[in-house]
Amino acid sequence: MLSYLTGGLAAVAVASVGYAGVLRADRVALQQDVANLQLQLSACGGRLQTVLDDKGSDHAVDQIPDAELVDVPDHWLRP
C-alpha cells in the first residue's frame, strides 16, 4: 500500500514539475510577444510623428503667397 502512495506522489511531483516547465516556457514566449508589440507600437508613434511633421511643413509651404513664389534666388538655380 505504501509503495502505491509513494509512486502516486512521485507521479504527481513529476507532473507538477513538467507543468511548471510548460508554464515557464509560455511566460517567456509571452514576454517576447510583449516586447515585440512594444517595439511595433513605438514604430507606429514614430511614423505618426513623421506624418504630422510632413503635414506641418506642407501647411507652411501652402501659406507662402504666390508673389513670393515667382522670385527664385539665383543660388537655387545653380547645381
PDB file of N, CA and C in Angstrom:
ATOM      1  N   MET A   1       0.820  -1.194   0.000  1.00  0.00           N
ATOM      2  CA  MET A   1       0.000   0.000   0.000  1.00  0.00           C
ATOM      3  C   MET A   1       0.865   1.260   0.000  1.00  0.00           C
ATOM      4  N   LEU A   2       1.911   1.246   0.786  1.00  0.00           N
ATOM      5  CA  LEU A   2       2.801   2.400   0.876  1.00  0.00           C
ATOM      6  C   LEU A   2       3.525   2.646  -0.449  1.00  0.00           C
ATOM      7  N   SER A   3       3.834   1.601  -1.185  1.00  0.00           N
ATOM      8  CA  SER A   3       4.528   1.769  -2.459  1.00  0.00           C
ATOM      9  C   SER A   3       3.613   2.451  -3.494  1.00  0.00           C
ATOM     10  N   TYR A   4       2.308   2.148  -3.450  1.00  0.00           N
ATOM     11  CA  TYR A   4       1.364   2.824  -4.351  1.00  0.00           C
ATOM     12  C   TYR A   4       1.267   4.314  -4.040  1.00  0.00           C
ATOM     13  N   LEU A   5       1.233   4.617  -2.742  1.00  0.00           N
ATOM     14  CA  LEU A   5       1.157   6.015  -2.320  1.00  0.00           C
ATOM     15  C   LEU A   5       2.418   6.770  -2.722  1.00  0.00           C
ATOM     16  N   THR A   6       3.556   6.142  -2.522  1.00  0.00           N
ATOM     17  CA  THR A   6       4.828   6.760  -2.891  1.00  0.00           C
ATOM     18  C   THR A   6       4.915   6.940  -4.406  1.00  0.00           C
ATOM     19  N   GLY A   7       4.498   5.950  -5.150  1.00  0.00           N
ATOM     20  CA  GLY A   7       4.515   6.039  -6.612  1.00  0.00           C
ATOM     21  C   GLY A   7       3.557   7.111  -7.112  1.00  0.00           C
ATOM     22  N   GLY A   8       2.383   7.193  -6.490  1.00  0.00           N
ATOM     23  CA  GLY A   8       1.416   8.222  -6.873  1.00  0.00           C
ATOM     24  C   GLY A   8       1.936   9.612  -6.583  1.00  0.00           C
ATOM     25  N   LEU A   9       2.550   9.803  -5.418  1.00  0.00           N
ATOM     26  CA  LEU A   9       3.127  11.111  -5.070  1.00  0.00           C
ATOM     27  C   LEU A   9       4.277  11.470  -6.002  1.00  0.00           C
ATOM     28  N   ALA A  10       5.077  10.487  -6.370  1.00  0.00           N
ATOM     29  CA  ALA A  10       6.183  10.740  -7.304  1.00  0.00           C
ATOM     30  C   ALA A  10       5.635  11.144  -8.669  1.00  0.00           C
ATOM     31  N   ALA A  11       4.568  10.485  -9.106  1.00  0.00           N
ATOM     32  CA  ALA A  11       3.972  10.832 -10.400  1.00  0.00           C
ATOM     33  C   ALA A  11       3.401  12.240 -10.366  1.00  0.00           C
ATOM     34  N   VAL A  12       2.740  12.596  -9.264  1.00  0.00           N
ATOM     35  CA  VAL A  12       2.197  13.955  -9.134  1.00  0.00           C
ATOM     36  C   VAL A  12       3.326  14.976  -9.127  1.00  0.00           C
ATOM     37  N   ALA A  13       4.435  14.679  -8.440  1.00  0.00           N
ATOM     38  CA  ALA A  13       5.570  15.601  -8.382  1.00  0.00           C
ATOM     39  C   ALA A  13       6.188  15.785  -9.772  1.00  0.00           C
ATOM     40  N   VAL A  14       6.341  14.715 -10.516  1.00  0.00           N
ATOM     41  CA  VAL A  14       6.920  14.801 -11.863  1.00  0.00           C
ATOM     42  C   VAL A  14       5.987  15.589 -12.782  1.00  0.00           C
ATOM     43  N   ALA A  15       4.689  15.320 -12.670  1.00  0.00           N
ATOM     44  CA  ALA A  15       3.730  16.051 -13.490  1.00  0.00           C
ATOM     45  C   ALA A  15       3.733  17.534 -13.138  1.00  0.00           C
ATOM     46  N   SER A  16       3.859  17.868 -11.863  1.00  0.00           N
ATOM     47  CA  SER A  16       3.889  19.273 -11.432  1.00  0.00           C
ATOM     48  C   SER A  16       5.117  19.984 -11.978  1.00  0.00           C
ATOM     49  N   VAL A  17       6.251  19.313 -11.922  1.00  0.00           N
ATOM     50  CA  VAL A  17       7.481  19.913 -12.445  1.00  0.00           C
ATOM     51  C   VAL A  17       7.364  20.112 -13.960  1.00  0.00           C
ATOM     52  N   GLY A  18       6.791  19.146 -14.659  1.00  0.00           N
ATOM     53  CA  GLY A  18       6.599  19.285 -16.095  1.00  0.00           C
ATOM     54  C   GLY A  18       5.652  20.426 -16.432  1.00  0.00           C
ATOM     55  N   TYR A  19       4.575  20.533 -15.684  1.00  0.00           N
ATOM     56  CA  TYR A  19       3.611  21.606 -15.911  1.00  0.00           C
ATOM     57  C   TYR A  19       4.232  22.971 -15.611  1.00  0.00           C
ATOM     58  N   ALA A  20       5.057  23.043 -14.562  1.00  0.00           N
ATOM     59  CA  ALA A  20       5.744  24.299 -14.246  1.00  0.00           C
ATOM     60  C   ALA A  20       6.690  24.685 -15.383  1.00  0.00           C
ATOM     61  N   GLY A  21       7.337  23.710 -16.005  1.00  0.00           N
ATOM     62  CA  GLY A  21       8.214  23.994 -17.141  1.00  0.00           C
ATOM     63  C   GLY A  21       7.435  24.527 -18.325  1.00  0.00           C
ATOM     64  N   VAL A  22       6.258  23.953 -18.570  1.00  0.00           N
ATOM     65  CA  VAL A  22       5.413  24.429 -19.665  1.00  0.00           C
ATOM     66  C   VAL A  22       4.963  25.862 -19.395  1.00  0.00           C
ATOM     67  N   LEU A  23       4.558  26.130 -18.168  1.00  0.00           N
ATOM     68  CA  LEU A  23       4.121  27.489 -17.816  1.00  0.00           C
ATOM     69  C   LEU A  23       5.264  28.493 -17.947  1.00  0.00           C
ATOM     70  N   ARG A  24       6.455  28.086 -17.564  1.00  0.00           N
ATOM     71  CA  ARG A  24       7.619  28.986 -17.680  1.00  0.00           C
ATOM     72  C   ARG A  24       7.912  29.289 -19.144  1.00  0.00           C
ATOM     73  N   ALA A  25       7.828  28.281 -20.008  1.00  0.00           N
ATOM     74  CA  ALA A  25       8.067  28.493 -21.434  1.00  0.00           C
ATOM     75  C   ALA A  25       6.999  29.418 -22.019  1.00  0.00           C
ATOM     76  N   ASP A  26       5.750  29.232 -21.599  1.00  0.00           N
ATOM     77  CA  ASP A  26       4.680  30.116 -22.063  1.00  0.00           C
ATOM     78  C   ASP A  26       4.921  31.556 -21.611  1.00  0.00           C
ATOM     79  N   ARG A  27       5.382  31.714 -20.383  1.00  0.00           N
ATOM     80  CA  ARG A  27       5.640  33.059 -19.863  1.00  0.00           C
ATOM     81  C   ARG A  27       6.752  33.735 -20.661  1.00  0.00           C
ATOM     82  N   VAL A  28       7.800  33.010 -20.976  1.00  0.00           N
ATOM     83  CA  VAL A  28       8.905  33.574 -21.758  1.00  0.00           C
ATOM     84  C   VAL A  28       8.414  33.974 -23.152  1.00  0.00           C
ATOM     85  N   ALA A  29       7.596  33.122 -23.755  1.00  0.00           N
ATOM     86  CA  ALA A  29       7.068  33.444 -25.090  1.00  0.00           C
ATOM     87  C   ALA A  29       6.186  34.682 -25.033  1.00  0.00           C
ATOM     88  N   LEU A  30       5.369  34.789 -23.996  1.00  0.00           N
ATOM     89  CA  LEU A  30       4.503  35.961 -23.866  1.00  0.00           C
ATOM     90  C   LEU A  30       5.311  37.232 -23.602  1.00  0.00           C
ATOM     91  N   GLN A  31       6.387  37.131 -22.838  1.00  0.00           N
ATOM     92  CA  GLN A  31       7.245  38.301 -22.614  1.00  0.00           C
ATOM     93  C   GLN A  31       7.881  38.757 -23.922  1.00  0.00           C
ATOM     94  N   GLN A  32       8.269  37.820 -24.761  1.00  0.00           N
ATOM     95  CA  GLN A  32       8.836  38.182 -26.056  1.00  0.00           C
ATOM     96  C   GLN A  32       7.781  38.840 -26.937  1.00  0.00           C
ATOM     97  N   ASP A  33       6.547  38.333 -26.870  1.00  0.00           N
ATOM     98  CA  ASP A  33       5.460  38.950 -27.635  1.00  0.00           C
ATOM     99  C   ASP A  33       5.199  40.377 -27.174  1.00  0.00           C
ATOM    100  N   VAL A  34       5.233  40.601 -25.849  1.00  0.00           N
ATOM    101  CA  VAL A  34       5.016  41.944 -25.311  1.00  0.00           C
ATOM    102  C   VAL A  34       6.125  42.892 -25.777  1.00  0.00           C
ATOM    103  N   ALA A  35       7.358  42.431 -25.732  1.00  0.00           N
ATOM    104  CA  ALA A  35       8.475  43.272 -26.181  1.00  0.00           C
ATOM    105  C   ALA A  35       8.327  43.600 -27.662  1.00  0.00           C
ATOM    106  N   ASN A  36       7.926  42.620 -28.466  1.00  0.00           N
ATOM    107  CA  ASN A  36       7.738  42.839 -29.902  1.00  0.00           C
ATOM    108  C   ASN A  36       6.619  43.849 -30.151  1.00  0.00           C
ATOM    109  N   LEU A  37       5.516  43.717 -29.428  1.00  0.00           N
ATOM    110  CA  LEU A  37       4.400  44.644 -29.603  1.00  0.00           C
ATOM    111  C   LEU A  37       4.768  46.059 -29.149  1.00  0.00           C
ATOM    112  N   GLN A  38       5.573  46.166 -28.100  1.00  0.00           N
ATOM    113  CA  GLN A  38       6.015  47.493 -27.659  1.00  0.00           C
ATOM    114  C   GLN A  38       6.885  48.154 -28.725  1.00  0.00           C
ATOM    115  N   LEU A  39       7.749  47.380 -29.368  1.00  0.00           N
ATOM    116  CA  LEU A  39       8.574  47.927 -30.450  1.00  0.00           C
ATOM    117  C   LEU A  39       7.711  48.364 -31.630  1.00  0.00           C
ATOM    118  N   GLN A  40       6.704  47.557 -31.969  1.00  0.00           N
ATOM    119  CA  GLN A  40       5.820  47.928 -33.071  1.00  0.00           C
ATOM    120  C   GLN A  40       5.039  49.191 -32.746  1.00  0.00           C
ATOM    121  N   LEU A  41       4.587  49.304 -31.500  1.00  0.00           N
ATOM    122  CA  LEU A  41       3.839  50.491 -31.099  1.00  0.00           C
ATOM    123  C   LEU A  41       4.722  51.729 -31.136  1.00  0.00           C
ATOM    124  N   SER A  42       5.964  51.590 -30.704  1.00  0.00           N
ATOM    125  CA  SER A  42       6.870  52.737 -30.745  1.00  0.00           C
ATOM    126  C   SER A  42       7.183  53.131 -32.191  1.00  0.00           C
ATOM    127  N   ALA A  43       7.279  52.144 -33.092  1.00  0.00           N
ATOM    128  CA  ALA A  43       7.496  52.451 -34.507  1.00  0.00           C
ATOM    129  C   ALA A  43       6.287  53.173 -35.089  1.00  0.00           C
ATOM    130  N   CYS A  44       5.088  52.774 -34.683  1.00  0.00           N
ATOM    131  CA  CYS A  44       3.877  53.462 -35.151  1.00  0.00           C
ATOM    132  C   CYS A  44       3.875  54.912 -34.675  1.00  0.00           C
ATOM    133  N   GLY A  45       4.306  55.140 -33.444  1.00  0.00           N
ATOM    134  CA  GLY A  45       4.383  56.503 -32.928  1.00  0.00           C
ATOM    135  C   GLY A  45       5.366  57.337 -33.728  1.00  0.00           C
ATOM    136  N   GLY A  46       6.487  56.738 -34.110  1.00  0.00           N
ATOM    137  CA  GLY A  46       7.461  57.451 -34.928  1.00  0.00           C
ATOM    138  C   GLY A  46       6.917  57.790 -36.300  1.00  0.00           C
ATOM    139  N   ARG A  47       6.207  56.825 -36.906  1.00  0.00           N
ATOM    140  CA  ARG A  47       5.607  57.100 -38.223  1.00  0.00           C
ATOM    141  C   ARG A  47       4.539  58.175 -38.124  1.00  0.00           C
ATOM    142  N   LEU A  48       3.758  58.157 -37.059  1.00  0.00           N
ATOM    143  CA  LEU A  48       2.733  59.186 -36.874  1.00  0.00           C
ATOM    144  C   LEU A  48       3.377  60.558 -36.735  1.00  0.00           C
ATOM    145  N   GLN A  49       4.466  60.654 -35.983  1.00  0.00           N
ATOM    146  CA  GLN A  49       5.142  61.933 -35.824  1.00  0.00           C
ATOM    147  C   GLN A  49       5.694  62.420 -37.159  1.00  0.00           C
ATOM    148  N   THR A  50       6.204  61.520 -37.979  1.00  0.00           N
ATOM    149  CA  THR A  50       6.707  61.887 -39.301  1.00  0.00           C
ATOM    150  C   THR A  50       5.585  62.444 -40.175  1.00  0.00           C
ATOM    151  N   VAL A  51       4.414  61.799 -40.131  1.00  0.00           N
ATOM    152  CA  VAL A  51       3.274  62.277 -40.914  1.00  0.00           C
ATOM    153  C   VAL A  51       2.843  63.657 -40.422  1.00  0.00           C
ATOM    154  N   LEU A  52       2.791  63.841 -39.104  1.00  0.00           N
ATOM    155  CA  LEU A  52       2.392  65.141 -38.564  1.00  0.00           C
ATOM    156  C   LEU A  52       3.395  66.232 -38.935  1.00  0.00           C
ATOM    157  N   ASP A  53       4.681  65.911 -38.884  1.00  0.00           N
ATOM    158  CA  ASP A  53       5.707  66.880 -39.291  1.00  0.00           C
ATOM    159  C   ASP A  53       5.564  67.228 -40.770  1.00  0.00           C
ATOM    160  N   ASP A  54       5.290  66.226 -41.604  1.00  0.00           N
ATOM    161  CA  ASP A  54       5.122  66.461 -43.038  1.00  0.00           C
ATOM    162  C   ASP A  54       3.907  67.345 -43.306  1.00  0.00           C
ATOM    163  N   LYS A  55       2.826  67.089 -42.586  1.00  0.00           N
ATOM    164  CA  LYS A  55       1.636  67.928 -42.772  1.00  0.00           C
ATOM    165  C   LYS A  55       1.921  69.365 -42.334  1.00  0.00           C
ATOM    166  N   GLY A  56       2.703  69.523 -41.276  1.00  0.00           N
ATOM    167  CA  GLY A  56       3.061  70.868 -40.819  1.00  0.00           C
ATOM    168  C   GLY A  56       3.906  71.606 -41.837  1.00  0.00           C
ATOM    169  N   SER A  57       4.873  70.904 -42.440  1.00  0.00           N
ATOM    170  CA  SER A  57       5.713  71.569 -43.443  1.00  0.00           C
ATOM    171  C   SER A  57       4.899  71.861 -44.705  1.00  0.00           C
ATOM    172  N   ASP A  58       3.974  70.977 -45.061  1.00  0.00           N
ATOM    173  CA  ASP A  58       3.109  71.252 -46.212  1.00  0.00           C
ATOM    174  C   ASP A  58       2.257  72.492 -45.959  1.00  0.00           C
ATOM    175  N   HIS A  59       1.763  72.611 -44.750  1.00  0.00           N
ATOM    176  CA  HIS A  59       0.947  73.784 -44.408  1.00  0.00           C
ATOM    177  C   HIS A  59       1.783  75.063 -44.478  1.00  0.00           C
ATOM    178  N   ALA A  60       3.037  74.974 -44.019  1.00  0.00           N
ATOM    179  CA  ALA A  60       3.914  76.147 -44.075  1.00  0.00           C
ATOM    180  C   ALA A  60       4.165  76.559 -45.524  1.00  0.00           C
ATOM    181  N   VAL A  61       4.353  75.588 -46.416  1.00  0.00           N
ATOM    182  CA  VAL A  61       4.571  75.907 -47.826  1.00  0.00           C
ATOM    183  C   VAL A  61       3.291  76.473 -48.438  1.00  0.00           C
ATOM    184  N   ASP A  62       2.148  75.945 -48.053  1.00  0.00           N
ATOM    185  CA  ASP A  62       0.871  76.432 -48.598  1.00  0.00           C
ATOM    186  C   ASP A  62       0.582  77.872 -48.176  1.00  0.00           C
ATOM    187  N   GLN A  63       1.186  78.326 -47.103  1.00  0.00           N
ATOM    188  CA  GLN A  63       0.939  79.677 -46.614  1.00  0.00           C
ATOM    189  C   GLN A  63       1.806  80.728 -47.308  1.00  0.00           C
ATOM    190  N   ILE A  64       2.741  80.310 -48.147  1.00  0.00           N
ATOM    191  CA  ILE A  64       3.589  81.260 -48.881  1.00  0.00           C
ATOM    192  C   ILE A  64       2.743  81.935 -49.956  1.00  0.00           C
ATOM    193  N   PRO A  65       2.746  83.261 -49.993  1.00  0.00           N
ATOM    194  CA  PRO A  65       1.966  83.957 -51.026  1.00  0.00           C
ATOM    195  C   PRO A  65       2.534  83.665 -52.424  1.00  0.00           C
ATOM    196  N   ASP A  66       1.672  83.734 -53.416  1.00  0.00           N
ATOM    197  CA  ASP A  66       2.089  83.450 -54.794  1.00  0.00           C
ATOM    198  C   ASP A  66       3.147  84.430 -55.297  1.00  0.00           C
ATOM    199  N   ALA A  67       3.113  85.659 -54.811  1.00  0.00           N
ATOM    200  CA  ALA A  67       4.093  86.657 -55.248  1.00  0.00           C
ATOM    201  C   ALA A  67       5.504  86.254 -54.833  1.00  0.00           C
ATOM    202  N   GLU A  68       5.637  85.594 -53.714  1.00  0.00           N
ATOM    203  CA  GLU A  68       6.969  85.161 -53.261  1.00  0.00           C
ATOM    204  C   GLU A  68       7.451  83.927 -54.013  1.00  0.00           C
ATOM    205  N   LEU A  69       6.551  83.213 -54.639  1.00  0.00           N
ATOM    206  CA  LEU A  69       6.956  82.013 -55.369  1.00  0.00           C
ATOM    207  C   LEU A  69       7.558  82.337 -56.728  1.00  0.00           C
ATOM    208  N   VAL A  70       7.367  83.562 -57.227  1.00  0.00           N
ATOM    209  CA  VAL A  70       7.898  83.954 -58.522  1.00  0.00           C
ATOM    210  C   VAL A  70       9.373  84.305 -58.416  1.00  0.00           C
ATOM    211  N   ASP A  71       9.772  84.919 -57.343  1.00  0.00           N
ATOM    212  CA  ASP A  71      11.164  85.338 -57.153  1.00  0.00           C
ATOM    213  C   ASP A  71      11.976  84.167 -56.601  1.00  0.00           C
ATOM    214  N   VAL A  72      12.809  83.589 -57.481  1.00  0.00           N
ATOM    215  CA  VAL A  72      13.655  82.460 -57.070  1.00  0.00           C
ATOM    216  C   VAL A  72      15.088  82.977 -56.970  1.00  0.00           C
ATOM    217  N   PRO A  73      15.745  82.782 -55.842  1.00  0.00           N
ATOM    218  CA  PRO A  73      17.137  83.219 -55.708  1.00  0.00           C
ATOM    219  C   PRO A  73      18.030  82.489 -56.712  1.00  0.00           C
ATOM    220  N   ASP A  74      19.079  83.207 -57.183  1.00  0.00           N
ATOM    221  CA  ASP A  74      19.960  82.639 -58.204  1.00  0.00           C
ATOM    222  C   ASP A  74      20.684  81.380 -57.715  1.00  0.00           C
ATOM    223  N   HIS A  75      21.043  81.338 -56.438  1.00  0.00           N
ATOM    224  CA  HIS A  75      21.803  80.193 -55.955  1.00  0.00           C
ATOM    225  C   HIS A  75      20.963  78.903 -55.971  1.00  0.00           C
ATOM    226  N   TRP A  76      19.668  78.983 -56.084  1.00  0.00           N
ATOM    227  CA  TRP A  76      18.835  77.789 -56.178  1.00  0.00           C
ATOM    228  C   TRP A  76      18.885  77.195 -57.582  1.00  0.00           C
ATOM    229  N   LEU A  77      19.221  78.011 -58.574  1.00  0.00           N
ATOM    230  CA  LEU A  77      19.224  77.544 -59.946  1.00  0.00           C
ATOM    231  C   LEU A  77      20.550  76.881 -60.337  1.00  0.00           C
ATOM    232  N   ARG A  78      21.584  77.165 -59.591  1.00  0.00           N
ATOM    233  CA  ARG A  78      22.891  76.581 -59.896  1.00  0.00           C
ATOM    234  C   ARG A  78      23.017  75.194 -59.296  1.00  0.00           C
ATOM    235  N   PRO A  79      23.781  74.318 -59.987  1.00  0.00           N
ATOM    236  CA  PRO A  79      23.977  72.946 -59.439  1.00  0.00           C
ATOM    237  C   PRO A  79      24.884  72.928 -58.240  1.00  0.00           C
TER     238      PRO A  79
END
